[in-house]
Amino acid sequence: MDVDSCFRRAASFLAHASPASVLGTLFSAGPRLNELTDIVSQVDHVGFIASPVTVTSLAPAARAAGFDAGDRTFPSTILAAELGQLLGGPAVPTTVFQAWGTSAGGHPIGVEAFVPHGITEDILATWRRSGVGAHVALAVASCSDLENVSRIIEEEGCLIPPFMNGAPLVNAAEKLTVVYGDRRRNGRTVRLEFWHRG
């Protein structure tokens, strides 16, 4: 799928997404789902690995899809490490393109497109088909909420990716602490990213 379509699909999904709707697709109704829904403050963004493109070509595509309030790029630390682990080597230099805007309903929407460098199209296509890098990000209010999220999602059958080494990941430059949970759904891995900034 081309990046224009990815940005349009992301905007369409985010226009209607809520913590309850996202979590409800992956977890059974009950007290655990309610507990998770209470912890999550908002659906923040979606992310995906972009097909081979130049980073500068992403901004016009994002703006056309409604992510038109701003954008920026920065080097990945977290996904770069995961991609390196998948290849059995060092971190893969990867640029993160972030853009944000406002949905037609008036709430903020965000997107991340990852551009790994020096990777063949065959490998990128395999990663995209497998869902590598694709995620829905959910914001929480505190780091202690991330500890609760980790416990709940593991007990509910989510796999905490091995590259996390059993602990939340910190991106010091972005002042971001992250917990990932992977769940199989319809033959694909669906990744949830729970994050706290500060």
C-alpha atoms as a PDB file:
ATOM      1  CA  MET A   1       0.000   0.000   0.000  1.00  0.00           C
ATOM      2  CA  ASP A   2       1.375   3.432  -0.913  1.00  0.00           C
ATOM      3  CA  VAL A   3       2.001   6.082   1.744  1.00  0.00           C
ATOM      4  CA  ASP A   4      -0.879   8.281   0.562  1.00  0.00           C
ATOM      5  CA  SER A   5      -3.300   5.419   1.240  1.00  0.00           C
ATOM      6  CA  CYS A   6      -1.653   4.679   4.590  1.00  0.00           C
ATOM      7  CA  PHE A   7      -2.080   8.277   5.748  1.00  0.00           C
ATOM      8  CA  ARG A   8      -5.717   8.376   4.562  1.00  0.00           C
ATOM      9  CA  ARG A   9      -6.509   5.095   6.338  1.00  0.00           C
ATOM     10  CA  ALA A  10      -4.816   6.355   9.505  1.00  0.00           C
ATOM     11  CA  ALA A  11      -6.881   9.572   9.470  1.00  0.00           C
ATOM     12  CA  SER A  12     -10.103   7.632   8.876  1.00  0.00           C
ATOM     13  CA  PHE A  13      -9.357   5.206  11.717  1.00  0.00           C
ATOM     14  CA  LEU A  14      -8.415   7.963  14.171  1.00  0.00           C
ATOM     15  CA  ALA A  15     -11.538   9.990  13.372  1.00  0.00           C
ATOM     16  CA  HIS A  16     -13.640   7.326  15.099  1.00  0.00           C
ATOM     17  CA  ALA A  17     -11.216   5.598  17.481  1.00  0.00           C
ATOM     18  CA  SER A  18     -11.636   5.711  21.245  1.00  0.00           C
ATOM     19  CA  PRO A  19      -9.755   3.850  23.978  1.00  0.00           C
ATOM     20  CA  ALA A  20     -12.804   1.604  24.481  1.00  0.00           C
ATOM     21  CA  SER A  21     -13.163   0.803  20.768  1.00  0.00           C
ATOM     22  CA  VAL A  22      -9.455   0.029  20.278  1.00  0.00           C
ATOM     23  CA  LEU A  23      -9.079  -2.059  23.431  1.00  0.00           C
ATOM     24  CA  GLY A  24     -12.447  -3.755  22.878  1.00  0.00           C
ATOM     25  CA  THR A  25     -11.244  -5.270  19.604  1.00  0.00           C
ATOM     26  CA  LEU A  26      -8.376  -7.071  21.353  1.00  0.00           C
ATOM     27  CA  PHE A  27      -9.620  -7.867  24.850  1.00  0.00           C
ATOM     28  CA  SER A  28     -12.760  -9.638  26.070  1.00  0.00           C
ATOM     29  CA  ALA A  29     -15.403  -7.603  27.858  1.00  0.00           C
ATOM     30  CA  GLY A  30     -15.044  -7.666  31.610  1.00  0.00           C
ATOM     31  CA  PRO A  31     -13.228  -6.102  34.546  1.00  0.00           C
ATOM     32  CA  ARG A  32      -9.770  -6.211  32.883  1.00  0.00           C
ATOM     33  CA  LEU A  33     -11.007  -4.368  29.806  1.00  0.00           C
ATOM     34  CA  ASN A  34     -12.700  -1.808  32.059  1.00  0.00           C
ATOM     35  CA  GLU A  35      -9.490  -1.379  34.054  1.00  0.00           C
ATOM     36  CA  LEU A  36      -7.442  -0.796  30.895  1.00  0.00           C
ATOM     37  CA  THR A  37     -10.011   1.610  29.476  1.00  0.00           C
ATOM     38  CA  ASP A  38      -9.929   3.613  32.710  1.00  0.00           C
ATOM     39  CA  ILE A  39      -6.109   3.866  32.581  1.00  0.00           C
ATOM     40  CA  VAL A  40      -5.902   5.059  28.968  1.00  0.00           C
ATOM     41  CA  SER A  41      -6.576   8.760  28.487  1.00  0.00           C
ATOM     42  CA  GLN A  42      -6.697   8.872  24.683  1.00  0.00           C
ATOM     43  CA  VAL A  43      -5.877   7.232  21.381  1.00  0.00           C
ATOM     44  CA  ASP A  44      -2.868   9.299  20.390  1.00  0.00           C
ATOM     45  CA  HIS A  45      -1.598   8.107  17.027  1.00  0.00           C
ATOM     46  CA  VAL A  46      -1.031   5.211  14.658  1.00  0.00           C
ATOM     47  CA  GLY A  47       2.262   4.181  13.121  1.00  0.00           C
ATOM     48  CA  PHE A  48       3.524   2.176  10.171  1.00  0.00           C
ATOM     49  CA  ILE A  49       6.665   1.429   8.175  1.00  0.00           C
ATOM     50  CA  ALA A  50       6.576   3.521   5.013  1.00  0.00           C
ATOM     51  CA  SER A  51       7.393   1.967   1.701  1.00  0.00           C
ATOM     52  CA  PRO A  52      10.690   3.139   0.222  1.00  0.00           C
ATOM     53  CA  VAL A  53      10.244   6.878   0.035  1.00  0.00           C
ATOM     54  CA  THR A  54      12.243   9.946   0.757  1.00  0.00           C
ATOM     55  CA  VAL A  55      11.419  11.479   4.094  1.00  0.00           C
ATOM     56  CA  THR A  56      10.637  14.810   2.394  1.00  0.00           C
ATOM     57  CA  SER A  57       7.870  13.175   0.339  1.00  0.00           C
ATOM     58  CA  LEU A  58       5.952  12.216   3.487  1.00  0.00           C
ATOM     59  CA  ALA A  59       4.871  15.716   4.567  1.00  0.00           C
ATOM     60  CA  PRO A  60       2.715  16.495   1.504  1.00  0.00           C
ATOM     61  CA  ALA A  61       1.009  13.091   1.736  1.00  0.00           C
ATOM     62  CA  ALA A  62       0.323  13.549   5.453  1.00  0.00           C
ATOM     63  CA  ARG A  63      -1.071  17.069   4.949  1.00  0.00           C
ATOM     64  CA  ALA A  64      -3.366  15.852   2.168  1.00  0.00           C
ATOM     65  CA  ALA A  65      -4.803  13.225   4.548  1.00  0.00           C
ATOM     66  CA  GLY A  66      -5.573  15.793   7.269  1.00  0.00           C
ATOM     67  CA  PHE A  67      -2.394  15.680   9.348  1.00  0.00           C
ATOM     68  CA  ASP A  68      -1.864  19.326   8.526  1.00  0.00           C
ATOM     69  CA  ALA A  69      -1.157  21.088  11.840  1.00  0.00           C
ATOM     70  CA  GLY A  70       2.563  20.258  11.865  1.00  0.00           C
ATOM     71  CA  ASP A  71       5.229  17.644  11.333  1.00  0.00           C
ATOM     72  CA  ARG A  72       8.760  16.783  12.378  1.00  0.00           C
ATOM     73  CA  THR A  73      11.387  14.090  11.959  1.00  0.00           C
ATOM     74  CA  PHE A  74      13.832  12.520  14.389  1.00  0.00           C
ATOM     75  CA  PRO A  75      15.938   9.356  14.633  1.00  0.00           C
ATOM     76  CA  SER A  76      14.269   6.274  16.058  1.00  0.00           C
ATOM     77  CA  THR A  77      15.832   4.522  19.012  1.00  0.00           C
ATOM     78  CA  ILE A  78      13.126   1.989  19.881  1.00  0.00           C
ATOM     79  CA  LEU A  79      12.057   0.686  16.463  1.00  0.00           C
ATOM     80  CA  ALA A  80      15.638   0.918  15.187  1.00  0.00           C
ATOM     81  CA  ALA A  81      16.692  -1.528  17.920  1.00  0.00           C
ATOM     82  CA  GLU A  82      13.809  -3.892  17.148  1.00  0.00           C
ATOM     83  CA  LEU A  83      14.608  -3.917  13.424  1.00  0.00           C
ATOM     84  CA  GLY A  84      18.243  -4.654  14.186  1.00  0.00           C
ATOM     85  CA  GLN A  85      17.204  -7.542  16.399  1.00  0.00           C
ATOM     86  CA  LEU A  86      15.001  -8.920  13.616  1.00  0.00           C
ATOM     87  CA  LEU A  87      18.029  -8.897  11.318  1.00  0.00           C
ATOM     88  CA  GLY A  88      20.335 -10.296  13.990  1.00  0.00           C
ATOM     89  CA  GLY A  89      22.552  -7.229  14.028  1.00  0.00           C
ATOM     90  CA  PRO A  90      22.902  -3.685  15.290  1.00  0.00           C
ATOM     91  CA  ALA A  91      20.123  -1.098  15.282  1.00  0.00           C
ATOM     92  CA  VAL A  92      18.866  -0.162  11.815  1.00  0.00           C
ATOM     93  CA  PRO A  93      19.109   3.604  11.243  1.00  0.00           C
ATOM     94  CA  THR A  94      15.487   4.680  11.003  1.00  0.00           C
ATOM     95  CA  THR A  95      13.877   8.094  10.652  1.00  0.00           C
ATOM     96  CA  VAL A  96      10.562   8.753  12.374  1.00  0.00           C
ATOM     97  CA  PHE A  97       8.237  11.164  10.593  1.00  0.00           C
ATOM     98  CA  GLN A  98       5.493  12.475  12.885  1.00  0.00           C
ATOM     99  CA  ALA A  99       2.560  14.591  11.786  1.00  0.00           C
ATOM    100  CA  TRP A 100      -0.562  15.780  13.534  1.00  0.00           C
ATOM    101  CA  GLY A 101      -3.830  17.504  12.823  1.00  0.00           C
ATOM    102  CA  THR A 102      -7.457  17.676  13.878  1.00  0.00           C
ATOM    103  CA  SER A 103     -10.209  15.294  12.825  1.00  0.00           C
ATOM    104  CA  ALA A 104     -13.469  16.501  11.284  1.00  0.00           C
ATOM    105  CA  GLY A 105     -14.976  15.871  14.721  1.00  0.00           C
ATOM    106  CA  GLY A 106     -12.521  18.321  16.281  1.00  0.00           C
ATOM    107  CA  HIS A 107     -10.171  16.038  18.219  1.00  0.00           C
ATOM    108  CA  PRO A 108      -6.400  15.738  17.719  1.00  0.00           C
ATOM    109  CA  ILE A 109      -5.012  13.003  15.473  1.00  0.00           C
ATOM    110  CA  GLY A 110      -1.411  11.904  14.955  1.00  0.00           C
ATOM    111  CA  VAL A 111       0.612   9.564  12.787  1.00  0.00           C
ATOM    112  CA  GLU A 112       4.148   8.145  12.659  1.00  0.00           C
ATOM    113  CA  ALA A 113       5.748   6.829   9.480  1.00  0.00           C
ATOM    114  CA  PHE A 114       9.017   4.951   9.920  1.00  0.00           C
ATOM    115  CA  VAL A 115      11.657   5.051   7.199  1.00  0.00           C
ATOM    116  CA  PRO A 116      14.377   2.420   7.764  1.00  0.00           C
ATOM    117  CA  HIS A 117      17.575   3.191   5.852  1.00  0.00           C
ATOM    118  CA  GLY A 118      19.687   0.695   3.931  1.00  0.00           C
ATOM    119  CA  ILE A 119      17.026  -2.033   3.872  1.00  0.00           C
ATOM    120  CA  THR A 120      15.970  -3.815   0.691  1.00  0.00           C
ATOM    121  CA  GLU A 121      12.424  -3.510  -0.620  1.00  0.00           C
ATOM    122  CA  ASP A 122      11.944  -7.271  -0.134  1.00  0.00           C
ATOM    123  CA  ILE A 123      12.697  -7.013   3.589  1.00  0.00           C
ATOM    124  CA  LEU A 124      10.548  -3.882   3.962  1.00  0.00           C
ATOM    125  CA  ALA A 125       7.639  -5.614   2.195  1.00  0.00           C
ATOM    126  CA  THR A 126       7.963  -8.648   4.493  1.00  0.00           C
ATOM    127  CA  TRP A 127       7.991  -6.402   7.561  1.00  0.00           C
ATOM    128  CA  ARG A 128       4.928  -4.478   6.374  1.00  0.00           C
ATOM    129  CA  ARG A 129       2.989  -7.683   5.629  1.00  0.00           C
ATOM    130  CA  SER A 130       3.855  -8.994   9.100  1.00  0.00           C
ATOM    131  CA  GLY A 131       2.825  -5.748  10.793  1.00  0.00           C
ATOM    132  CA  VAL A 132       6.321  -4.836  12.000  1.00  0.00           C
ATOM    133  CA  GLY A 133       6.268  -1.231  13.194  1.00  0.00           C
ATOM    134  CA  ALA A 134       2.506  -0.910  12.791  1.00  0.00           C
ATOM    135  CA  HIS A 135       0.855   0.152  16.024  1.00  0.00           C
ATOM    136  CA  VAL A 136      -1.904   2.076  17.735  1.00  0.00           C
ATOM    137  CA  ALA A 137      -0.599   4.351  20.501  1.00  0.00           C
ATOM    138  CA  LEU A 138      -2.572   4.955  23.675  1.00  0.00           C
ATOM    139  CA  ALA A 139      -1.577   7.632  26.186  1.00  0.00           C
ATOM    140  CA  VAL A 140      -1.572   7.071  29.947  1.00  0.00           C
ATOM    141  CA  ALA A 141      -1.215   9.650  32.709  1.00  0.00           C
ATOM    142  CA  SER A 142       1.773   8.275  34.652  1.00  0.00           C
ATOM    143  CA  CYS A 143       4.652   5.797  34.651  1.00  0.00           C
ATOM    144  CA  SER A 144       2.892   3.792  37.375  1.00  0.00           C
ATOM    145  CA  ASP A 145       0.004   3.381  34.905  1.00  0.00           C
ATOM    146  CA  LEU A 146       2.482   1.752  32.512  1.00  0.00           C
ATOM    147  CA  GLU A 147       3.384  -0.807  35.179  1.00  0.00           C
ATOM    148  CA  ASN A 148      -0.311  -1.627  35.622  1.00  0.00           C
ATOM    149  CA  VAL A 149      -0.815  -1.844  31.858  1.00  0.00           C
ATOM    150  CA  SER A 150       2.149  -4.255  31.510  1.00  0.00           C
ATOM    151  CA  ARG A 151       0.736  -6.541  34.178  1.00  0.00           C
ATOM    152  CA  ILE A 152      -2.799  -6.523  32.754  1.00  0.00           C
ATOM    153  CA  ILE A 153      -1.923  -7.068  29.111  1.00  0.00           C
ATOM    154  CA  GLU A 154       0.492  -9.904  29.921  1.00  0.00           C
ATOM    155  CA  GLU A 155      -2.162 -11.596  32.065  1.00  0.00           C
ATOM    156  CA  GLU A 156      -4.601 -11.165  29.166  1.00  0.00           C
ATOM    157  CA  GLY A 157      -2.282 -12.946  26.724  1.00  0.00           C
ATOM    158  CA  CYS A 158      -0.358 -10.130  25.053  1.00  0.00           C
ATOM    159  CA  LEU A 159       3.251 -10.841  24.225  1.00  0.00           C
ATOM    160  CA  ILE A 160       5.703  -8.258  25.477  1.00  0.00           C
ATOM    161  CA  PRO A 161       8.274  -8.061  22.648  1.00  0.00           C
ATOM    162  CA  PRO A 162      11.662  -9.593  23.515  1.00  0.00           C
ATOM    163  CA  PHE A 163      13.572  -6.430  22.582  1.00  0.00           C
ATOM    164  CA  MET A 164      11.989  -4.725  25.620  1.00  0.00           C
ATOM    165  CA  ASN A 165      13.911  -7.048  27.971  1.00  0.00           C
ATOM    166  CA  GLY A 166      10.984  -7.160  30.406  1.00  0.00           C
ATOM    167  CA  ALA A 167      10.925  -3.436  31.176  1.00  0.00           C
ATOM    168  CA  PRO A 168       9.431  -0.243  29.745  1.00  0.00           C
ATOM    169  CA  LEU A 169      11.602   1.457  27.144  1.00  0.00           C
ATOM    170  CA  VAL A 170      12.742   5.036  27.548  1.00  0.00           C
ATOM    171  CA  ASN A 171      13.476   7.498  24.775  1.00  0.00           C
ATOM    172  CA  ALA A 172      15.344  10.120  26.822  1.00  0.00           C
ATOM    173  CA  ALA A 173      15.510  12.627  23.967  1.00  0.00           C
ATOM    174  CA  GLU A 174      11.715  12.593  23.665  1.00  0.00           C
ATOM    175  CA  LYS A 175      11.109  12.174  27.439  1.00  0.00           C
ATOM    176  CA  LEU A 176       8.970   9.197  26.554  1.00  0.00           C
ATOM    177  CA  THR A 177       8.432   5.888  28.380  1.00  0.00           C
ATOM    178  CA  VAL A 178       6.777   3.128  26.363  1.00  0.00           C
ATOM    179  CA  VAL A 179       5.312  -0.347  26.861  1.00  0.00           C
ATOM    180  CA  TYR A 180       4.384  -2.498  23.872  1.00  0.00           C
ATOM    181  CA  GLY A 181       1.975  -5.395  23.786  1.00  0.00           C
ATOM    182  CA  ASP A 182       1.545  -7.676  20.755  1.00  0.00           C
ATOM    183  CA  ARG A 183      -1.595  -9.685  20.127  1.00  0.00           C
ATOM    184  CA  ARG A 184      -2.503 -11.958  17.225  1.00  0.00           C
ATOM    185  CA  ARG A 185      -5.741 -11.062  15.471  1.00  0.00           C
ATOM    186  CA  ASN A 186      -6.955 -12.342  12.110  1.00  0.00           C
ATOM    187  CA  GLY A 187      -3.550 -13.878  11.352  1.00  0.00           C
ATOM    188  CA  ARG A 188      -1.581 -10.665  11.999  1.00  0.00           C
ATOM    189  CA  THR A 189       0.242  -9.229  14.941  1.00  0.00           C
ATOM    190  CA  VAL A 190      -1.482  -6.130  16.306  1.00  0.00           C
ATOM    191  CA  ARG A 191       0.752  -3.920  18.435  1.00  0.00           C
ATOM    192  CA  LEU A 192      -0.494  -1.569  21.093  1.00  0.00           C
ATOM    193  CA  GLU A 193       1.875   1.119  22.335  1.00  0.00           C
ATOM    194  CA  PHE A 194       1.116   2.538  25.772  1.00  0.00           C
ATOM    195  CA  TRP A 195       3.122   5.653  26.505  1.00  0.00           C
ATOM    196  CA  HIS A 196       3.711   8.412  29.011  1.00  0.00           C
ATOM    197  CA  ARG A 197       5.630  11.633  28.420  1.00  0.00           C
ATOM    198  CA  GLY A 198       7.390  13.416  31.223  1.00  0.00           C
END
